[in-house]
Amino acid sequence: MKKIAVVFASAGLMALAACGEKPANETANASNAVVENVVENAVNAADNAANAADNAANAANNTANAM
C-alpha cells in the first residue's frame, strides 16, 4: 500500500514540475516521509524474518534437547 503512495506522490511532484510550478514544501516533506516509512518497514520486515529464523532454530534445539 505504501508503494502506491510513493508512486502517487512522485506522480504529483512530476505533474507540478511539468507545469513549471514548484511543489510546496509540504508535498515534498510528505513524499520524503512516505519513502522513509517504506525503508523503515523494510528494515523491520528483515528484522522480523531474522527473529523468526532464530525462533525456529531455538525450537529445533529445544526439540533435540528433549529427546
PDB file of N, CA and C in Angstrom:
ATOM      1  N   MET A   1       0.823  -1.183   0.000  1.00  0.00           N
ATOM      2  CA  MET A   1       0.000   0.000   0.000  1.00  0.00           C
ATOM      3  C   MET A   1       0.871   1.253   0.000  1.00  0.00           C
ATOM      4  N   LYS A   2       1.973   1.212   0.735  1.00  0.00           N
ATOM      5  CA  LYS A   2       2.837   2.382   0.795  1.00  0.00           C
ATOM      6  C   LYS A   2       3.559   2.614  -0.520  1.00  0.00           C
ATOM      7  N   LYS A   3       3.797   1.537  -1.278  1.00  0.00           N
ATOM      8  CA  LYS A   3       4.415   1.698  -2.588  1.00  0.00           C
ATOM      9  C   LYS A   3       3.503   2.513  -3.497  1.00  0.00           C
ATOM     10  N   ILE A   4       2.205   2.286  -3.357  1.00  0.00           N
ATOM     11  CA  ILE A   4       1.240   3.041  -4.158  1.00  0.00           C
ATOM     12  C   ILE A   4       1.296   4.512  -3.776  1.00  0.00           C
ATOM     13  N   ALA A   5       1.425   4.793  -2.488  1.00  0.00           N
ATOM     14  CA  ALA A   5       1.506   6.176  -2.029  1.00  0.00           C
ATOM     15  C   ALA A   5       2.750   6.853  -2.586  1.00  0.00           C
ATOM     16  N   VAL A   6       3.867   6.116  -2.632  1.00  0.00           N
ATOM     17  CA  VAL A   6       5.101   6.667  -3.197  1.00  0.00           C
ATOM     18  C   VAL A   6       4.906   6.985  -4.672  1.00  0.00           C
ATOM     19  N   VAL A   7       4.245   6.098  -5.382  1.00  0.00           N
ATOM     20  CA  VAL A   7       4.008   6.311  -6.811  1.00  0.00           C
ATOM     21  C   VAL A   7       3.161   7.557  -7.029  1.00  0.00           C
ATOM     22  N   PHE A   8       2.086   7.697  -6.250  1.00  0.00           N
ATOM     23  CA  PHE A   8       1.214   8.850  -6.419  1.00  0.00           C
ATOM     24  C   PHE A   8       1.908  10.143  -6.005  1.00  0.00           C
ATOM     25  N   ALA A   9       2.702  10.087  -4.944  1.00  0.00           N
ATOM     26  CA  ALA A   9       3.436  11.282  -4.524  1.00  0.00           C
ATOM     27  C   ALA A   9       4.431  11.695  -5.598  1.00  0.00           C
ATOM     28  N   SER A  10       5.121  10.722  -6.161  1.00  0.00           N
ATOM     29  CA  SER A  10       6.073  11.010  -7.232  1.00  0.00           C
ATOM     30  C   SER A  10       5.368  11.556  -8.461  1.00  0.00           C
ATOM     31  N   ALA A  11       4.229  10.959  -8.801  1.00  0.00           N
ATOM     32  CA  ALA A  11       3.473  11.428  -9.967  1.00  0.00           C
ATOM     33  C   ALA A  11       2.991  12.855  -9.754  1.00  0.00           C
ATOM     34  N   GLY A  12       2.567  13.167  -8.547  1.00  0.00           N
ATOM     35  CA  GLY A  12       2.124  14.523  -8.245  1.00  0.00           C
ATOM     36  C   GLY A  12       3.244  15.527  -8.379  1.00  0.00           C
ATOM     37  N   LEU A  13       4.420  15.162  -7.879  1.00  0.00           N
ATOM     38  CA  LEU A  13       5.569  16.055  -7.993  1.00  0.00           C
ATOM     39  C   LEU A  13       5.978  16.244  -9.447  1.00  0.00           C
ATOM     40  N   MET A  14       5.930  15.169 -10.229  1.00  0.00           N
ATOM     41  CA  MET A  14       6.284  15.282 -11.649  1.00  0.00           C
ATOM     42  C   MET A  14       5.263  16.132 -12.402  1.00  0.00           C
ATOM     43  N   ALA A  15       3.996  16.011 -12.040  1.00  0.00           N
ATOM     44  CA  ALA A  15       2.961  16.810 -12.700  1.00  0.00           C
ATOM     45  C   ALA A  15       3.172  18.295 -12.415  1.00  0.00           C
ATOM     46  N   LEU A  16       3.513  18.613 -11.181  1.00  0.00           N
ATOM     47  CA  LEU A  16       3.779  20.008 -10.845  1.00  0.00           C
ATOM     48  C   LEU A  16       5.013  20.527 -11.570  1.00  0.00           C
ATOM     49  N   ALA A  17       6.022  19.685 -11.664  1.00  0.00           N
ATOM     50  CA  ALA A  17       7.241  20.090 -12.372  1.00  0.00           C
ATOM     51  C   ALA A  17       6.951  20.319 -13.847  1.00  0.00           C
ATOM     52  N   ALA A  18       6.093  19.506 -14.433  1.00  0.00           N
ATOM     53  CA  ALA A  18       5.755  19.650 -15.848  1.00  0.00           C
ATOM     54  C   ALA A  18       4.999  20.949 -16.101  1.00  0.00           C
ATOM     55  N   CYS A  19       4.272  21.416 -15.124  1.00  0.00           N
ATOM     56  CA  CYS A  19       3.521  22.665 -15.268  1.00  0.00           C
ATOM     57  C   CYS A  19       4.408  23.885 -15.029  1.00  0.00           C
ATOM     58  N   GLY A  20       5.617  23.660 -14.623  1.00  0.00           N
ATOM     59  CA  GLY A  20       6.516  24.766 -14.352  1.00  0.00           C
ATOM     60  C   GLY A  20       6.326  25.359 -12.971  1.00  0.00           C
ATOM     61  N   GLU A  21       5.531  24.713 -12.129  1.00  0.00           N
ATOM     62  CA  GLU A  21       5.306  25.191 -10.775  1.00  0.00           C
ATOM     63  C   GLU A  21       6.205  24.436  -9.810  1.00  0.00           C
ATOM     64  N   LYS A  22       6.569  25.115  -8.723  1.00  0.00           N
ATOM     65  CA  LYS A  22       7.381  24.455  -7.707  1.00  0.00           C
ATOM     66  C   LYS A  22       6.452  23.773  -6.710  1.00  0.00           C
ATOM     67  N   PRO A  23       6.745  22.517  -6.361  1.00  0.00           N
ATOM     68  CA  PRO A  23       5.888  21.837  -5.384  1.00  0.00           C
ATOM     69  C   PRO A  23       6.031  22.481  -4.008  1.00  0.00           C
ATOM     70  N   ALA A  24       4.977  22.453  -3.255  1.00  0.00           N
ATOM     71  CA  ALA A  24       5.007  23.005  -1.904  1.00  0.00           C
ATOM     72  C   ALA A  24       5.900  22.142  -1.030  1.00  0.00           C
ATOM     73  N   ASN A  25       6.483  22.771  -0.033  1.00  0.00           N
ATOM     74  CA  ASN A  25       7.346  22.025   0.888  1.00  0.00           C
ATOM     75  C   ASN A  25       6.586  20.899   1.567  1.00  0.00           C
ATOM     76  N   GLU A  26       5.307  21.126   1.835  1.00  0.00           N
ATOM     77  CA  GLU A  26       4.516  20.085   2.485  1.00  0.00           C
ATOM     78  C   GLU A  26       4.442  18.829   1.623  1.00  0.00           C
ATOM     79  N   THR A  27       4.300  19.037   0.328  1.00  0.00           N
ATOM     80  CA  THR A  27       4.221  17.889  -0.580  1.00  0.00           C
ATOM     81  C   THR A  27       5.544  17.142  -0.607  1.00  0.00           C
ATOM     82  N   ALA A  28       6.638  17.888  -0.693  1.00  0.00           N
ATOM     83  CA  ALA A  28       7.957  17.253  -0.709  1.00  0.00           C
ATOM     84  C   ALA A  28       8.222  16.538   0.603  1.00  0.00           C
ATOM     85  N   ASN A  29       7.853  17.173   1.705  1.00  0.00           N
ATOM     86  CA  ASN A  29       8.069  16.545   3.010  1.00  0.00           C
ATOM     87  C   ASN A  29       7.220  15.287   3.168  1.00  0.00           C
ATOM     88  N   ALA A  30       5.991  15.334   2.682  1.00  0.00           N
ATOM     89  CA  ALA A  30       5.138  14.155   2.769  1.00  0.00           C
ATOM     90  C   ALA A  30       5.705  13.011   1.937  1.00  0.00           C
ATOM     91  N   SER A  31       6.223  13.346   0.762  1.00  0.00           N
ATOM     92  CA  SER A  31       6.825  12.324  -0.093  1.00  0.00           C
ATOM     93  C   SER A  31       8.037  11.702   0.590  1.00  0.00           C
ATOM     94  N   ASN A  32       8.859  12.541   1.197  1.00  0.00           N
ATOM     95  CA  ASN A  32      10.036  12.036   1.916  1.00  0.00           C
ATOM     96  C   ASN A  32       9.636  11.159   3.089  1.00  0.00           C
ATOM     97  N   ALA A  33       8.585  11.550   3.790  1.00  0.00           N
ATOM     98  CA  ALA A  33       8.128  10.762   4.933  1.00  0.00           C
ATOM     99  C   ALA A  33       7.643   9.390   4.480  1.00  0.00           C
ATOM    100  N   VAL A  34       6.968   9.336   3.348  1.00  0.00           N
ATOM    101  CA  VAL A  34       6.486   8.051   2.833  1.00  0.00           C
ATOM    102  C   VAL A  34       7.668   7.158   2.488  1.00  0.00           C
ATOM    103  N   VAL A  35       8.681   7.727   1.828  1.00  0.00           N
ATOM    104  CA  VAL A  35       9.864   6.938   1.462  1.00  0.00           C
ATOM    105  C   VAL A  35      10.572   6.440   2.724  1.00  0.00           C
ATOM    106  N   GLU A  36      10.709   7.301   3.729  1.00  0.00           N
ATOM    107  CA  GLU A  36      11.350   6.887   4.978  1.00  0.00           C
ATOM    108  C   GLU A  36      10.563   5.759   5.640  1.00  0.00           C
ATOM    109  N   ASN A  37       9.239   5.852   5.618  1.00  0.00           N
ATOM    110  CA  ASN A  37       8.416   4.791   6.212  1.00  0.00           C
ATOM    111  C   ASN A  37       8.574   3.473   5.470  1.00  0.00           C
ATOM    112  N   VAL A  38       8.665   3.533   4.150  1.00  0.00           N
ATOM    113  CA  VAL A  38       8.844   2.312   3.361  1.00  0.00           C
ATOM    114  C   VAL A  38      10.177   1.659   3.715  1.00  0.00           C
ATOM    115  N   VAL A  39      11.227   2.470   3.827  1.00  0.00           N
ATOM    116  CA  VAL A  39      12.549   1.930   4.172  1.00  0.00           C
ATOM    117  C   VAL A  39      12.528   1.346   5.578  1.00  0.00           C
ATOM    118  N   GLU A  40      11.926   2.082   6.512  1.00  0.00           N
ATOM    119  CA  GLU A  40      11.853   1.589   7.889  1.00  0.00           C
ATOM    120  C   GLU A  40      11.062   0.288   7.967  1.00  0.00           C
ATOM    121  N   ASN A  41       9.972   0.203   7.217  1.00  0.00           N
ATOM    122  CA  ASN A  41       9.180  -1.032   7.209  1.00  0.00           C
ATOM    123  C   ASN A  41       9.972  -2.198   6.620  1.00  0.00           C
ATOM    124  N   ALA A  42      10.786  -1.922   5.614  1.00  0.00           N
ATOM    125  CA  ALA A  42      11.613  -2.983   5.030  1.00  0.00           C
ATOM    126  C   ALA A  42      12.639  -3.483   6.043  1.00  0.00           C
ATOM    127  N   VAL A  43      13.237  -2.556   6.784  1.00  0.00           N
ATOM    128  CA  VAL A  43      14.203  -2.947   7.822  1.00  0.00           C
ATOM    129  C   VAL A  43      13.507  -3.766   8.899  1.00  0.00           C
ATOM    130  N   ASN A  44      12.314  -3.328   9.304  1.00  0.00           N
ATOM    131  CA  ASN A  44      11.568  -4.075  10.315  1.00  0.00           C
ATOM    132  C   ASN A  44      11.182  -5.467   9.815  1.00  0.00           C
ATOM    133  N   ALA A  45      10.820  -5.565   8.552  1.00  0.00           N
ATOM    134  CA  ALA A  45      10.474  -6.875   7.986  1.00  0.00           C
ATOM    135  C   ALA A  45      11.683  -7.802   7.992  1.00  0.00           C
ATOM    136  N   ALA A  46      12.856  -7.247   7.676  1.00  0.00           N
ATOM    137  CA  ALA A  46      14.076  -8.060   7.707  1.00  0.00           C
ATOM    138  C   ALA A  46      14.374  -8.516   9.133  1.00  0.00           C
ATOM    139  N   ASP A  47      14.210  -7.613  10.095  1.00  0.00           N
ATOM    140  CA  ASP A  47      14.416  -7.984  11.498  1.00  0.00           C
ATOM    141  C   ASP A  47      13.431  -9.067  11.931  1.00  0.00           C
ATOM    142  N   ASN A  48      12.186  -8.926  11.513  1.00  0.00           N
ATOM    143  CA  ASN A  48      11.182  -9.920  11.858  1.00  0.00           C
ATOM    144  C   ASN A  48      11.517 -11.282  11.258  1.00  0.00           C
ATOM    145  N   ALA A  49      12.013 -11.288  10.033  1.00  0.00           N
ATOM    146  CA  ALA A  49      12.399 -12.549   9.395  1.00  0.00           C
ATOM    147  C   ALA A  49      13.569 -13.186  10.140  1.00  0.00           C
ATOM    148  N   ALA A  50      14.534 -12.361  10.547  1.00  0.00           N
ATOM    149  CA  ALA A  50      15.672 -12.886  11.309  1.00  0.00           C
ATOM    150  C   ALA A  50      15.210 -13.453  12.650  1.00  0.00           C
ATOM    151  N   ASN A  51      14.287 -12.748  13.299  1.00  0.00           N
ATOM    152  CA  ASN A  51      13.759 -13.244  14.572  1.00  0.00           C
ATOM    153  C   ASN A  51      12.997 -14.556  14.387  1.00  0.00           C
ATOM    154  N   ALA A  52      12.248 -14.658  13.312  1.00  0.00           N
ATOM    155  CA  ALA A  52      11.513 -15.897  13.044  1.00  0.00           C
ATOM    156  C   ALA A  52      12.477 -17.053  12.810  1.00  0.00           C
ATOM    157  N   ALA A  53      13.566 -16.785  12.114  1.00  0.00           N
ATOM    158  CA  ALA A  53      14.571 -17.827  11.885  1.00  0.00           C
ATOM    159  C   ALA A  53      15.221 -18.249  13.202  1.00  0.00           C
ATOM    160  N   ASP A  54      15.518 -17.264  14.059  1.00  0.00           N
ATOM    161  CA  ASP A  54      16.077 -17.582  15.377  1.00  0.00           C
ATOM    162  C   ASP A  54      15.100 -18.412  16.198  1.00  0.00           C
ATOM    163  N   ASN A  55      13.826 -18.038  16.144  1.00  0.00           N
ATOM    164  CA  ASN A  55      12.819 -18.791  16.892  1.00  0.00           C
ATOM    165  C   ASN A  55      12.712 -20.223  16.387  1.00  0.00           C
ATOM    166  N   ALA A  56      12.787 -20.401  15.076  1.00  0.00           N
ATOM    167  CA  ALA A  56      12.724 -21.752  14.513  1.00  0.00           C
ATOM    168  C   ALA A  56      13.939 -22.571  14.945  1.00  0.00           C
ATOM    169  N   ALA A  57      15.107 -21.935  14.947  1.00  0.00           N
ATOM    170  CA  ALA A  57      16.323 -22.636  15.382  1.00  0.00           C
ATOM    171  C   ALA A  57      16.233 -23.011  16.856  1.00  0.00           C
ATOM    172  N   ASN A  58      15.704 -22.094  17.657  1.00  0.00           N
ATOM    173  CA  ASN A  58      15.540 -22.394  19.090  1.00  0.00           C
ATOM    174  C   ASN A  58      14.553 -23.529  19.307  1.00  0.00           C
ATOM    175  N   ALA A  59      13.480 -23.540  18.546  1.00  0.00           N
ATOM    176  CA  ALA A  59      12.501 -24.635  18.663  1.00  0.00           C
ATOM    177  C   ALA A  59      13.123 -25.970  18.280  1.00  0.00           C
ATOM    178  N   ALA A  60      13.940 -25.964  17.236  1.00  0.00           N
ATOM    179  CA  ALA A  60      14.612 -27.201  16.828  1.00  0.00           C
ATOM    180  C   ALA A  60      15.577 -27.675  17.895  1.00  0.00           C
ATOM    181  N   ASN A  61      16.301 -26.728  18.499  1.00  0.00           N
ATOM    182  CA  ASN A  61      17.230 -27.092  19.577  1.00  0.00           C
ATOM    183  C   ASN A  61      16.483 -27.631  20.788  1.00  0.00           C
ATOM    184  N   ASN A  62      15.352 -27.008  21.106  1.00  0.00           N
ATOM    185  CA  ASN A  62      14.570 -27.489  22.248  1.00  0.00           C
ATOM    186  C   ASN A  62      14.041 -28.892  21.999  1.00  0.00           C
ATOM    187  N   THR A  63      13.629 -29.157  20.792  1.00  0.00           N
ATOM    188  CA  THR A  63      13.146 -30.500  20.439  1.00  0.00           C
ATOM    189  C   THR A  63      14.267 -31.507  20.543  1.00  0.00           C
ATOM    190  N   ALA A  64      15.442 -31.140  20.037  1.00  0.00           N
ATOM    191  CA  ALA A  64      16.592 -32.055  20.096  1.00  0.00           C
ATOM    192  C   ALA A  64      17.005 -32.303  21.547  1.00  0.00           C
ATOM    193  N   ASN A  65      16.952 -31.275  22.375  1.00  0.00           N
ATOM    194  CA  ASN A  65      17.329 -31.439  23.783  1.00  0.00           C
ATOM    195  C   ASN A  65      16.303 -32.268  24.558  1.00  0.00           C
ATOM    196  N   ALA A  66      15.078 -32.259  24.125  1.00  0.00           N
ATOM    197  CA  ALA A  66      14.037 -33.007  24.823  1.00  0.00           C
ATOM    198  C   ALA A  66      14.135 -34.503  24.558  1.00  0.00           C
ATOM    199  N   MET A  67      14.829 -34.893  23.501  1.00  0.00           N
ATOM    200  CA  MET A  67      14.916 -36.316  23.135  1.00  0.00           C
ATOM    201  C   MET A  67      15.923 -37.015  23.975  1.00  0.00           C
TER     202      MET A  67
END
